[in-house]
Amino acid sequence: MNIKPILLLAPILLICGCLSSENINENTTIKVFHAGSLSVPFKEYAEMFEKEYKIKVENEPAGSVMCVRKIIDLGKKADVLAVADYSLIPKMMMPKYADWYVMFAKNEIVLAYTDKSKYKDEINKDNWFKILAKDDVKFGFSNPNDDPCGYRTLIVLALSSLAYNEPIFNNLIEKNSNIKLENNTILVPKNVVVNTKKIIMRSKETDLLALLEAGACDYLFIYKSVAQQHHLKYIELPNKVNLGDYKEEEFYKKIKLFFELNNKTIYGKPIVYGLTIPKNAPHKKEAIMFVKFILEHPEVLEKNGQPPITPAIGVGSVPKELKDVVKSE
């Protein structure tokens, strides 16, 4: 008897969802820790996945660094981890908590605002930093110790100082916080303190949306995808500083950050999202199914303003079930 055709059917059955009750427990709930900027697409993925496989998905958004810390510091268990900066996985998770990851989406930083924002009729891609420096203007960004969008905002402002040849970082950040820039290195203290009359800061960037929409904050540094998803107006920043252009990678590297919290240094680089299944995931089989489902439906990311990387780029011991949707490095 030739068993090869039978063996080949196994992954096909898995993909189609035609699994027996022995293979899938429809009462399973998988837990997903994900970046706040993935909230909209991951809600859609969860609904689509549950409809097709009858497996519940419980999403828990937070700043990406906090998502990782829940696993490595607090001992919490997640079936899937998706972060806004893929490098957090090799730097913080591997090899103890994970042995692979995929890079699956891109983004860029924009400056969002509403009809309630001061100088909304004057601001543009050439004068945005001058508008933010005005005494009566408040702007927001997320905590760089908790969230990639926060430390990426600092990189954007430091790069802008170089690109525009203006003291932008000094005027906006150094004069209004205990964050410093020395020799193109941003020094992020353990406890970031800001002048709350000028800067509004929260743990993750999506926590600031309500404040922006209520008029408590005039402008917000945020991912382009989130601005689009929430129908916000926004200023697109030059490719030279928005962290969304691979062609500018060498320029992005001119700025680095040092985190006093963990003595880590990172360099500016294009924004790429990463995803993995932690080693101690309680429902690995279902988690692999969910990751495969995400990678098979890049249109969800596309329509939500997050350009997908197709095929996703895999690093490490990527599960064999994902090989047909992942290109290994």
Protein backbone atom coordinates (compact mmCIF):
# COMPACT_ATOMS: atom_id res chain seq x y z
CA MET A 1 0.00 0.00 0.00
CA ASN A 2 1.35 3.43 -0.96
CA ILE A 3 0.97 5.67 2.11
CA LYS A 4 2.43 8.85 0.61
CA PRO A 5 -0.90 10.20 -0.75
CA ILE A 6 -2.48 9.60 2.65
CA LEU A 7 0.31 11.49 4.40
CA LEU A 8 0.01 14.35 1.97
CA LEU A 9 -3.68 14.69 2.80
CA ALA A 10 -2.97 15.58 6.43
CA PRO A 11 -1.90 19.19 5.91
CA ILE A 12 -4.64 19.64 3.32
CA LEU A 13 -7.24 18.56 5.83
CA LEU A 14 -5.72 20.93 8.39
CA ILE A 15 -5.90 23.86 6.00
CA CYS A 16 -9.48 23.13 5.00
CA GLY A 17 -10.61 22.83 8.57
CA CYS A 18 -11.94 19.35 7.83
CA LEU A 19 -10.53 17.90 11.00
CA SER A 20 -12.10 15.30 13.19
CA SER A 21 -13.02 16.03 16.79
CA GLU A 22 -9.88 14.11 17.78
CA ASN A 23 -7.71 16.75 16.14
CA ILE A 24 -9.58 19.94 17.01
CA ASN A 25 -11.41 20.89 20.15
CA GLU A 26 -14.00 23.45 19.12
CA ASN A 27 -14.23 24.59 22.75
CA THR A 28 -10.64 25.81 22.64
CA THR A 29 -9.92 29.50 23.19
CA ILE A 30 -6.55 30.74 22.01
CA LYS A 31 -4.99 33.81 23.62
CA VAL A 32 -3.28 36.39 21.42
CA PHE A 33 -1.03 39.13 22.81
CA HIS A 34 -0.65 41.79 20.14
CA ALA A 35 0.46 45.36 19.52
CA GLY A 36 -2.22 47.99 19.94
CA SER A 37 -1.79 49.03 16.31
CA LEU A 38 -2.94 45.55 15.24
CA SER A 39 -6.26 45.82 17.11
CA VAL A 40 -8.47 46.42 14.06
CA PRO A 41 -7.07 43.75 11.71
CA PHE A 42 -6.67 41.19 14.49
CA LYS A 43 -10.28 41.67 15.56
CA GLU A 44 -11.27 40.90 12.00
CA TYR A 45 -8.94 37.88 11.86
CA ALA A 46 -10.42 36.55 15.10
CA GLU A 47 -13.97 36.83 13.79
CA MET A 48 -13.10 35.20 10.47
CA PHE A 49 -11.14 32.38 12.14
CA GLU A 50 -13.87 31.62 14.66
CA LYS A 51 -16.47 31.52 11.91
CA GLU A 52 -14.43 29.06 9.86
CA TYR A 53 -13.00 26.82 12.58
CA LYS A 54 -15.33 27.37 15.59
CA ILE A 55 -12.24 28.12 17.69
CA LYS A 56 -12.45 31.28 19.81
CA VAL A 57 -9.69 33.87 19.71
CA GLU A 58 -9.17 36.17 22.70
CA ASN A 59 -7.14 39.22 21.73
CA GLU A 60 -5.23 41.18 24.37
CA PRO A 61 -3.67 44.38 22.98
CA ALA A 62 -0.88 46.31 24.69
CA GLY A 63 2.35 48.07 23.85
CA SER A 64 4.59 45.53 22.13
CA VAL A 65 7.28 45.63 24.83
CA MET A 66 4.59 45.09 27.45
CA CYS A 67 3.24 42.13 25.45
CA VAL A 68 6.64 40.50 25.62
CA ARG A 69 7.13 41.33 29.30
CA LYS A 70 3.85 39.66 30.19
CA ILE A 71 5.41 36.40 28.98
CA ILE A 72 9.02 36.71 30.11
CA ASP A 73 8.57 38.69 33.35
CA LEU A 74 5.04 38.00 34.55
CA GLY A 75 4.85 34.35 33.49
CA LYS A 76 1.64 34.78 31.51
CA LYS A 77 0.90 32.39 28.68
CA ALA A 78 -0.11 33.33 25.17
CA ASP A 79 -0.69 31.14 22.14
CA VAL A 80 0.35 33.83 19.67
CA LEU A 81 2.49 36.96 20.07
CA ALA A 82 2.40 39.73 17.44
CA VAL A 83 4.55 42.83 17.93
CA ALA A 84 5.05 46.09 16.06
CA ASP A 85 8.84 45.63 16.04
CA TYR A 86 9.95 42.16 14.97
CA SER A 87 13.38 42.63 16.60
CA LEU A 88 11.79 42.40 20.07
CA ILE A 89 11.37 38.66 19.50
CA PRO A 90 15.02 37.75 18.86
CA LYS A 91 16.24 40.29 21.44
CA MET A 92 13.84 39.49 24.29
CA MET A 93 12.24 36.09 23.55
CA MET A 94 14.90 33.94 21.91
CA PRO A 95 16.10 31.35 22.68
CA LYS A 96 14.36 30.77 26.01
CA TYR A 97 10.79 31.73 25.12
CA ALA A 98 10.70 31.37 21.33
CA ASP A 99 12.79 29.74 18.59
CA TRP A 100 11.32 31.36 15.46
CA TYR A 101 9.45 34.37 14.14
CA VAL A 102 8.02 35.74 10.92
CA MET A 103 8.08 39.30 9.59
CA PHE A 104 4.64 39.87 8.13
CA ALA A 105 3.69 43.58 7.76
CA LYS A 106 5.05 47.12 7.36
CA ASN A 107 3.97 50.59 8.47
CA GLU A 108 5.12 54.20 8.83
CA ILE A 109 4.81 57.04 11.34
CA VAL A 110 2.48 59.96 10.58
CA LEU A 111 1.30 63.01 12.53
CA ALA A 112 -2.45 62.66 13.09
CA TYR A 113 -4.91 65.43 13.94
CA THR A 114 -8.62 66.32 13.88
CA ASP A 115 -10.84 69.31 13.11
CA LYS A 116 -10.40 70.30 16.77
CA SER A 117 -6.61 70.60 16.46
CA LYS A 118 -5.07 74.06 16.70
CA TYR A 119 -3.57 75.37 13.44
CA LYS A 120 -5.13 72.49 11.50
CA ASP A 121 -5.54 74.77 8.47
CA GLU A 122 -1.90 75.83 8.55
CA ILE A 123 0.04 72.64 9.24
CA ASN A 124 1.75 70.83 6.37
CA LYS A 125 4.67 68.53 5.61
CA ASP A 126 7.11 71.47 5.64
CA ASN A 127 6.10 73.31 8.84
CA TRP A 128 4.71 70.58 11.13
CA PHE A 129 7.60 70.82 13.62
CA LYS A 130 7.13 74.59 13.88
CA ILE A 131 3.42 74.14 14.61
CA LEU A 132 4.18 71.55 17.32
CA ALA A 133 6.64 73.97 18.94
CA LYS A 134 3.99 76.65 19.45
CA ASP A 135 3.26 77.32 23.13
CA ASP A 136 -0.46 76.56 22.90
CA VAL A 137 -0.10 73.24 21.04
CA LYS A 138 -0.11 69.84 22.76
CA PHE A 139 1.13 66.67 21.09
CA GLY A 140 1.21 63.04 22.14
CA PHE A 141 3.18 59.84 21.74
CA SER A 142 3.36 56.54 23.59
CA ASN A 143 5.83 55.64 26.34
CA PRO A 144 9.10 54.59 24.66
CA ASN A 145 9.78 52.10 27.45
CA ASP A 146 6.50 50.28 26.74
CA ASP A 147 5.74 50.68 23.08
CA PRO A 148 7.66 50.69 19.77
CA CYS A 149 5.52 53.54 18.45
CA GLY A 150 6.89 55.66 21.29
CA TYR A 151 10.56 55.01 20.67
CA ARG A 152 9.98 55.21 16.91
CA THR A 153 8.49 58.67 17.42
CA LEU A 154 11.72 59.74 19.14
CA ILE A 155 13.74 58.32 16.23
CA VAL A 156 11.53 60.19 13.74
CA LEU A 157 12.11 63.47 15.59
CA ALA A 158 15.86 62.92 15.84
CA LEU A 159 16.05 62.02 12.14
CA SER A 160 14.01 65.14 11.38
CA SER A 161 16.61 67.24 13.17
CA LEU A 162 19.20 65.86 10.75
CA ALA A 163 17.04 65.97 7.63
CA TYR A 164 15.69 69.50 8.16
CA ASN A 165 18.88 70.80 9.82
CA GLU A 166 16.74 72.24 12.61
CA PRO A 167 16.86 71.67 16.42
CA ILE A 168 13.56 69.77 16.29
CA PHE A 169 14.36 67.15 18.92
CA ASN A 170 15.67 69.77 21.30
CA ASN A 171 12.65 72.06 20.89
CA LEU A 172 10.00 69.36 21.16
CA ILE A 173 11.48 66.64 23.39
CA GLU A 174 14.52 67.81 25.38
CA LYS A 175 12.85 71.04 26.50
CA ASN A 176 9.73 69.14 27.61
CA SER A 177 11.01 65.86 29.10
CA ASN A 178 13.97 64.09 30.69
CA ILE A 179 14.79 62.35 27.39
CA LYS A 180 18.09 63.55 25.90
CA LEU A 181 19.87 63.39 22.53
CA GLU A 182 23.67 63.20 22.58
CA ASN A 183 25.81 62.51 19.49
CA ASN A 184 22.82 61.06 17.60
CA THR A 185 22.02 58.75 20.55
CA ILE A 186 18.65 59.14 22.29
CA LEU A 187 18.92 58.47 26.03
CA VAL A 188 15.66 57.07 27.41
CA PRO A 189 15.54 57.07 31.24
CA LYS A 190 13.91 54.33 33.33
CA ASN A 191 11.08 56.66 34.25
CA VAL A 192 10.17 59.05 31.49
CA VAL A 193 8.85 62.38 32.78
CA VAL A 194 7.19 64.87 30.43
CA ASN A 195 5.87 68.39 30.70
CA THR A 196 2.17 67.55 30.69
CA LYS A 197 1.29 71.04 29.53
CA LYS A 198 3.02 70.24 26.26
CA ILE A 199 3.22 66.45 25.88
CA ILE A 200 0.61 63.79 26.57
CA MET A 201 2.04 60.29 26.97
CA ARG A 202 0.33 56.92 27.53
CA SER A 203 1.55 53.31 27.58
CA LYS A 204 0.50 52.54 24.00
CA GLU A 205 -0.34 54.78 21.08
CA THR A 206 -3.95 53.64 20.75
CA ASP A 207 -4.58 54.84 24.34
CA LEU A 208 -4.13 58.38 23.03
CA LEU A 209 -6.79 58.22 20.32
CA ALA A 210 -9.69 59.23 22.58
CA LEU A 211 -7.72 62.21 23.88
CA LEU A 212 -6.97 63.35 20.34
CA GLU A 213 -10.57 62.95 19.23
CA ALA A 214 -11.81 64.80 22.33
CA GLY A 215 -9.49 67.73 21.65
CA ALA A 216 -7.35 67.22 24.76
CA CYS A 217 -4.40 66.65 22.43
CA ASP A 218 -3.84 68.54 19.17
CA TYR A 219 -1.51 66.17 17.36
CA LEU A 220 -0.46 62.55 17.77
CA PHE A 221 2.48 60.59 16.38
CA ILE A 222 0.97 57.28 15.34
CA TYR A 223 1.11 54.56 12.72
CA LYS A 224 -0.40 55.44 9.37
CA SER A 225 -2.59 52.32 9.53
CA VAL A 226 -4.15 53.40 12.84
CA ALA A 227 -4.79 56.91 11.52
CA GLN A 228 -6.55 55.42 8.49
CA GLN A 229 -8.55 52.91 10.55
CA HIS A 230 -9.86 55.69 12.79
CA HIS A 231 -10.53 58.09 9.89
CA LEU A 232 -8.12 60.72 11.22
CA LYS A 233 -6.51 63.45 9.21
CA TYR A 234 -2.75 63.19 9.10
CA ILE A 235 0.44 64.70 7.76
CA GLU A 236 2.63 62.25 5.87
CA LEU A 237 6.24 62.78 6.85
CA PRO A 238 9.08 62.55 4.32
CA ASN A 239 10.39 59.04 3.57
CA LYS A 240 13.72 60.21 4.92
CA VAL A 241 12.25 60.25 8.45
CA ASN A 242 8.97 58.25 8.54
CA LEU A 243 10.64 54.81 8.98
CA GLY A 244 8.51 53.39 6.20
CA ASP A 245 11.00 53.23 3.33
CA TYR A 246 13.56 50.43 2.98
CA LYS A 247 15.59 52.65 0.61
CA GLU A 248 16.31 54.98 3.55
CA GLU A 249 17.51 52.24 5.87
CA GLU A 250 21.08 53.55 6.00
CA PHE A 251 19.88 57.02 6.97
CA TYR A 252 17.58 55.59 9.66
CA LYS A 253 20.60 53.86 11.22
CA LYS A 254 22.21 57.21 11.97
CA ILE A 255 20.03 57.46 15.09
CA LYS A 256 20.17 54.98 17.96
CA LEU A 257 18.43 54.74 21.34
CA PHE A 258 19.84 53.64 24.65
CA PHE A 259 17.30 52.35 27.18
CA GLU A 260 18.41 52.84 30.77
CA LEU A 261 15.66 50.41 31.83
CA ASN A 262 17.44 47.36 30.41
CA ASN A 263 20.77 48.74 29.13
CA LYS A 264 19.74 47.95 25.56
CA THR A 265 20.66 49.90 22.45
CA ILE A 266 18.66 49.85 19.22
CA TYR A 267 19.15 51.57 15.89
CA GLY A 268 16.64 53.29 13.67
CA LYS A 269 15.27 50.92 11.03
CA PRO A 270 12.22 50.44 8.83
CA ILE A 271 9.01 49.45 10.65
CA VAL A 272 8.38 45.71 10.35
CA TYR A 273 5.91 43.68 12.43
CA GLY A 274 6.80 40.26 13.83
CA LEU A 275 4.82 37.25 14.97
CA THR A 276 5.64 34.04 16.82
CA ILE A 277 4.19 31.25 18.94
CA PRO A 278 5.85 31.15 22.39
CA LYS A 279 7.45 27.86 23.41
CA ASN A 280 5.01 27.46 26.32
CA ALA A 281 1.86 28.19 24.27
CA PRO A 282 -0.99 26.08 25.71
CA HIS A 283 -2.62 25.40 22.31
CA LYS A 284 0.17 25.13 19.78
CA LYS A 285 -1.79 23.27 17.12
CA GLU A 286 -4.58 25.84 17.09
CA ALA A 287 -2.02 28.67 17.30
CA ILE A 288 -0.28 27.40 14.16
CA MET A 289 -3.64 27.29 12.43
CA PHE A 290 -4.34 30.90 13.40
CA VAL A 291 -0.92 32.13 12.27
CA LYS A 292 -1.35 30.29 8.96
CA PHE A 293 -4.81 31.84 8.59
CA ILE A 294 -3.35 35.34 9.09
CA LEU A 295 -0.61 34.77 6.52
CA GLU A 296 -3.12 33.33 4.03
CA HIS A 297 -5.28 36.46 4.25
CA PRO A 298 -2.95 39.44 3.66
CA GLU A 299 -5.90 41.39 2.25
CA VAL A 300 -7.07 42.11 5.81
CA LEU A 301 -3.83 43.94 6.58
CA GLU A 302 -3.82 45.65 3.20
CA LYS A 303 -7.27 47.19 3.58
CA ASN A 304 -6.38 48.38 7.08
CA GLY A 305 -3.37 50.36 5.91
CA GLN A 306 -0.68 47.87 6.92
CA PRO A 307 1.13 46.64 3.80
CA PRO A 308 1.63 42.88 4.21
CA ILE A 309 4.91 41.14 3.49
CA THR A 310 4.01 38.27 1.18
CA PRO A 311 5.31 35.73 1.57
CA ALA A 312 6.16 36.44 5.18
CA ILE A 313 9.87 36.22 5.99
CA GLY A 314 10.66 33.48 8.50
CA VAL A 315 13.67 33.20 10.82
CA GLY A 316 14.53 30.20 12.99
CA SER A 317 12.66 26.93 13.41
CA VAL A 318 9.47 27.93 11.60
CA PRO A 319 6.80 25.18 11.95
CA LYS A 320 6.57 22.98 8.86
CA GLU A 321 2.85 23.76 8.59
CA LEU A 322 3.77 27.35 7.65
CA LYS A 323 6.37 26.57 5.00
CA ASP A 324 4.04 27.26 2.06
CA VAL A 325 3.25 30.81 3.31
CA VAL A 326 6.70 31.73 4.65
CA LYS A 327 10.00 32.38 2.92
CA SER A 328 12.81 31.38 5.28
CA GLU A 329 15.93 33.49 5.59
